[in-house]
Amino acid sequence: FETIDIGLRVKPQVSVLHDMGIKESESIQTGAGIDAKAIIEKGIEFAKNYTHPNKLLILGESTPSGTTTAYAVGKTLGYKSDGYFSSSFLDNPSSLKKSVIADTLKLAEGKDVYERLGTVADNMLLFVAGFVSSYSKKGKIALGGGTQMAAALLIVDALKLDINSQNVALMTTKWVYEDENSNIKGLLEQLSFKVDGYFSDFSFKD
C-alpha cells in the first residue's frame, strides 16, 4: 500500500509517501488555478519510473467534493454529464452542484482545453489521467473509485493521450452502479476506447 501526495494540506503518517511537490488547488468556484498540462505530465513521468510487484495495480482516490469537480470536467469537455455523476451524500445535492459548476464554467469560457481543465479540474483527476495512460503501456491497472475515475478517463479521451485500454479497468461498488441519480456506465460508453468495468456485489446488510 503506497500513497501519492498530489496536494495534501496535512501529510498522512504512512509507510510509503510519494511527494509530487504539487500544491493544493483552489476552489473551482473561483478557479482552481492549476497548471493542468504540468500535472498530467507529472502523472505520465511518475508512471514511467514506477514499478509494482503485482500483476495488477489498483489506483484509488480520496478527494473531498470530487464528484462536483468531475461533473464540471465532463461538462467543460463536452460529454453528456447532467445526471451522470454520483455523490458521497445520501441525497445528491444536485442544485448546489449545478450552481457551483455554472460559476466555474463561466470562468473557463473562451480558454483552450488545458486552460479550461486548469480552471475546473483538480490535481487528482489530472494526475490520474496522465498516470493511467502511461502505466497502461507496461502493466494492468484498475481505477478504484466511481464517477471521478470515469472523469479521469474522459480527460484521457478528450486530450487523446496514448493509452493501452486493454490493460485498464474501472472498479466501483454496486451502490454507484445502481445509483439512479448517476450513470457510470453511460460515462464509460462515451469514451472512444473500451475499458472493462466491474462493480462489487457484497452487502453490509448482515
Protein backbone atom coordinates (compact mmCIF):
# COMPACT_ATOMS: atom_id res chain seq x y z
CA PHE A 1 0.00 0.00 0.00
CA GLU A 2 1.50 3.31 -1.11
CA THR A 3 0.23 6.89 -1.02
CA ILE A 4 0.83 9.58 -3.62
CA ASP A 5 0.67 13.16 -2.34
CA ILE A 6 -0.64 15.44 -5.08
CA GLY A 7 -1.65 18.40 -2.95
CA LEU A 8 -2.35 17.32 0.61
CA ARG A 9 -2.51 20.05 3.23
CA VAL A 10 -1.81 17.53 6.01
CA LYS A 11 0.74 14.79 5.34
CA PRO A 12 -0.53 11.33 6.36
CA GLN A 13 1.69 9.17 8.56
CA VAL A 14 2.05 6.23 6.19
CA SER A 15 5.00 3.97 5.46
CA VAL A 16 5.38 4.99 1.79
CA LEU A 17 4.55 8.53 0.69
CA HIS A 18 5.44 9.76 -2.81
CA ASP A 19 5.50 13.56 -2.62
CA MET A 20 4.91 15.03 -6.08
CA GLY A 21 5.64 18.58 -4.94
CA ILE A 22 2.19 19.74 -6.04
CA LYS A 23 0.31 22.45 -4.18
CA GLU A 24 -3.35 22.02 -3.26
CA SER A 25 -5.70 23.59 -5.78
CA GLU A 26 -8.19 26.36 -5.14
CA SER A 27 -11.98 26.07 -5.22
CA ILE A 28 -13.31 25.57 -8.74
CA GLN A 29 -15.99 28.14 -7.98
CA THR A 30 -13.32 30.85 -8.14
CA GLY A 31 -10.99 28.94 -10.49
CA ALA A 32 -8.80 26.01 -9.45
CA GLY A 33 -5.60 27.74 -10.57
CA ILE A 34 -3.87 24.58 -11.79
CA ASP A 35 -1.22 24.13 -14.49
CA ALA A 36 -3.16 21.20 -15.99
CA LYS A 37 -0.52 20.19 -18.53
CA ALA A 38 2.22 20.11 -15.89
CA ILE A 39 0.14 17.92 -13.54
CA ILE A 40 -0.70 15.47 -16.34
CA GLU A 41 2.97 15.28 -17.33
CA LYS A 42 3.93 14.56 -13.69
CA GLY A 43 1.49 11.64 -13.74
CA ILE A 44 2.98 10.36 -17.00
CA GLU A 45 6.57 10.61 -15.75
CA PHE A 46 5.83 9.06 -12.36
CA ALA A 47 4.17 6.06 -14.05
CA LYS A 48 7.14 5.59 -16.37
CA ASN A 49 9.50 5.24 -13.42
CA TYR A 50 7.15 3.39 -11.06
CA THR A 51 7.42 -0.37 -10.61
CA HIS A 52 4.81 -2.53 -8.93
CA PRO A 53 5.40 -6.10 -7.69
CA ASN A 54 1.96 -7.48 -8.55
CA LYS A 55 0.28 -8.23 -11.88
CA LEU A 56 -2.47 -5.72 -11.16
CA LEU A 57 -2.02 -2.21 -9.78
CA ILE A 58 -5.11 -0.73 -8.11
CA LEU A 59 -5.10 3.06 -8.05
CA GLY A 60 -7.65 4.57 -5.67
CA GLU A 61 -8.52 8.14 -4.75
CA SER A 62 -9.86 10.21 -1.90
CA THR A 63 -10.98 13.67 -2.98
CA PRO A 64 -13.42 15.81 -0.96
CA SER A 65 -16.12 17.37 -3.19
CA GLY A 66 -14.56 15.44 -6.05
CA THR A 67 -17.78 14.41 -7.77
CA THR A 68 -18.73 18.06 -8.27
CA THR A 69 -15.34 18.70 -9.87
CA ALA A 70 -15.65 15.57 -12.01
CA TYR A 71 -19.08 16.79 -13.17
CA ALA A 72 -17.55 20.16 -14.14
CA VAL A 73 -14.80 18.38 -16.08
CA GLY A 74 -17.31 16.31 -18.02
CA LYS A 75 -19.28 19.44 -18.88
CA THR A 76 -16.28 21.54 -19.96
CA LEU A 77 -15.02 18.70 -22.18
CA GLY A 78 -18.39 18.40 -23.91
CA TYR A 79 -19.50 14.97 -22.66
CA LYS A 80 -23.06 14.15 -21.57
CA SER A 81 -22.85 14.91 -17.85
CA ASP A 82 -26.17 16.03 -16.37
CA GLY A 83 -27.40 13.18 -14.19
CA TYR A 84 -24.27 11.11 -14.84
CA PHE A 85 -22.18 11.89 -11.73
CA SER A 86 -22.74 10.41 -8.28
CA SER A 87 -22.40 11.96 -4.82
CA SER A 88 -20.98 10.93 -1.45
CA PHE A 89 -24.21 12.25 0.09
CA LEU A 90 -27.28 10.05 0.52
CA ASP A 91 -29.29 12.75 -1.23
CA ASN A 92 -27.30 14.16 -4.14
CA PRO A 93 -27.29 17.99 -3.74
CA SER A 94 -27.69 18.47 -7.49
CA SER A 95 -28.97 22.06 -7.36
CA LEU A 96 -25.94 23.18 -5.31
CA LYS A 97 -23.59 21.33 -7.66
CA LYS A 98 -25.16 22.94 -10.73
CA SER A 99 -24.76 26.39 -9.18
CA VAL A 100 -21.05 25.82 -8.45
CA ILE A 101 -20.47 24.34 -11.90
CA ALA A 102 -22.22 27.25 -13.62
CA ASP A 103 -19.80 29.62 -11.87
CA THR A 104 -16.68 27.67 -12.86
CA LEU A 105 -17.79 27.14 -16.47
CA LYS A 106 -18.17 30.90 -16.87
CA LEU A 107 -14.54 31.29 -15.75
CA ALA A 108 -13.46 28.68 -18.31
CA GLU A 109 -15.21 30.26 -21.31
CA GLY A 110 -13.00 31.10 -24.28
CA LYS A 111 -9.98 29.20 -22.99
CA ASP A 112 -8.17 26.29 -24.64
CA VAL A 113 -8.71 22.78 -23.28
CA TYR A 114 -5.72 22.78 -20.89
CA GLU A 115 -6.67 26.20 -19.52
CA ARG A 116 -10.26 25.03 -19.03
CA LEU A 117 -9.07 21.97 -17.14
CA GLY A 118 -6.78 24.17 -15.07
CA THR A 119 -9.87 26.16 -14.08
CA VAL A 120 -12.45 23.43 -13.42
CA ALA A 121 -10.46 20.25 -12.56
CA ASP A 122 -8.47 19.08 -9.55
CA ASN A 123 -4.98 17.63 -9.13
CA MET A 124 -6.22 14.06 -8.73
CA LEU A 125 -8.16 13.88 -12.00
CA LEU A 126 -5.29 15.35 -14.00
CA PHE A 127 -2.56 13.25 -12.35
CA VAL A 128 -4.58 10.04 -12.72
CA ALA A 129 -5.24 10.79 -16.40
CA GLY A 130 -1.51 11.06 -17.03
CA PHE A 131 -0.62 8.11 -14.80
CA VAL A 132 -3.15 5.64 -16.22
CA SER A 133 -2.32 6.47 -19.83
CA SER A 134 1.39 5.92 -19.17
CA TYR A 135 1.22 2.90 -16.83
CA SER A 136 -1.21 1.04 -19.12
CA LYS A 137 1.59 0.56 -21.64
CA LYS A 138 3.57 -1.65 -19.26
CA GLY A 139 1.07 -3.23 -16.88
CA LYS A 140 -2.53 -3.84 -15.88
CA ILE A 141 -4.18 -1.08 -13.85
CA ALA A 142 -7.58 -0.84 -12.17
CA LEU A 143 -9.00 2.51 -11.21
CA GLY A 144 -10.66 2.02 -7.83
CA GLY A 145 -13.44 4.56 -7.47
CA GLY A 146 -16.55 5.74 -9.21
CA THR A 147 -17.58 8.59 -11.46
CA GLN A 148 -14.48 10.58 -10.51
CA MET A 149 -12.26 7.91 -12.04
CA ALA A 150 -14.55 7.85 -15.07
CA ALA A 151 -13.91 11.60 -15.41
CA ALA A 152 -10.15 10.96 -15.39
CA LEU A 153 -10.71 8.66 -18.37
CA LEU A 154 -12.76 11.38 -20.07
CA ILE A 155 -9.66 13.60 -19.78
CA VAL A 156 -7.52 10.87 -21.37
CA ASP A 157 -10.06 10.61 -24.18
CA ALA A 158 -10.52 14.35 -24.78
CA LEU A 159 -6.78 15.04 -24.85
CA LYS A 160 -6.13 11.92 -26.96
CA LEU A 161 -3.46 10.72 -24.55
CA ASP A 162 -1.84 7.49 -25.69
CA ILE A 163 -3.34 4.59 -23.70
CA ASN A 164 -3.43 0.79 -23.90
CA SER A 165 -7.05 0.50 -22.84
CA GLN A 166 -6.92 -3.32 -22.85
CA ASN A 167 -4.84 -3.03 -19.67
CA VAL A 168 -7.30 -0.66 -17.94
CA ALA A 169 -10.39 -1.38 -15.85
CA LEU A 170 -12.63 0.70 -13.62
CA MET A 171 -13.81 -0.96 -10.39
CA THR A 172 -16.63 0.51 -8.34
CA THR A 173 -19.36 -0.57 -5.92
CA LYS A 174 -22.86 -1.73 -6.70
CA TRP A 175 -24.19 1.41 -4.95
CA VAL A 176 -22.50 3.62 -7.54
CA TYR A 177 -23.52 1.33 -10.41
CA GLU A 178 -27.16 1.17 -9.27
CA ASP A 179 -27.43 4.84 -8.27
CA GLU A 180 -30.50 6.26 -10.04
CA ASN A 181 -29.03 9.77 -9.83
CA SER A 182 -25.86 8.93 -11.76
CA ASN A 183 -24.78 6.82 -14.73
CA ILE A 184 -21.23 5.50 -14.57
CA LYS A 185 -21.87 3.03 -17.39
CA GLY A 186 -23.07 5.92 -19.55
CA LEU A 187 -19.86 7.83 -18.86
CA LEU A 188 -17.65 4.90 -19.90
CA GLU A 189 -19.71 4.33 -23.03
CA GLN A 190 -18.85 7.86 -24.23
CA LEU A 191 -15.14 7.02 -24.41
CA SER A 192 -13.65 6.47 -27.87
CA PHE A 193 -11.80 3.44 -26.41
CA LYS A 194 -13.18 0.49 -24.44
CA VAL A 195 -12.33 -0.26 -20.82
CA ASP A 196 -13.68 -3.08 -18.69
CA GLY A 197 -15.97 -2.07 -15.83
CA TYR A 198 -16.68 -4.05 -12.65
CA PHE A 199 -18.73 -3.48 -9.52
CA SER A 200 -18.53 -5.33 -6.20
CA ASP A 201 -21.71 -7.12 -5.24
CA PHE A 202 -21.25 -7.52 -1.48
CA SER A 203 -23.67 -6.14 1.12
CA PHE A 204 -23.32 -4.86 4.70
CA LYS A 205 -26.93 -5.87 5.40
CA ASP A 206 -25.98 -8.78 7.71
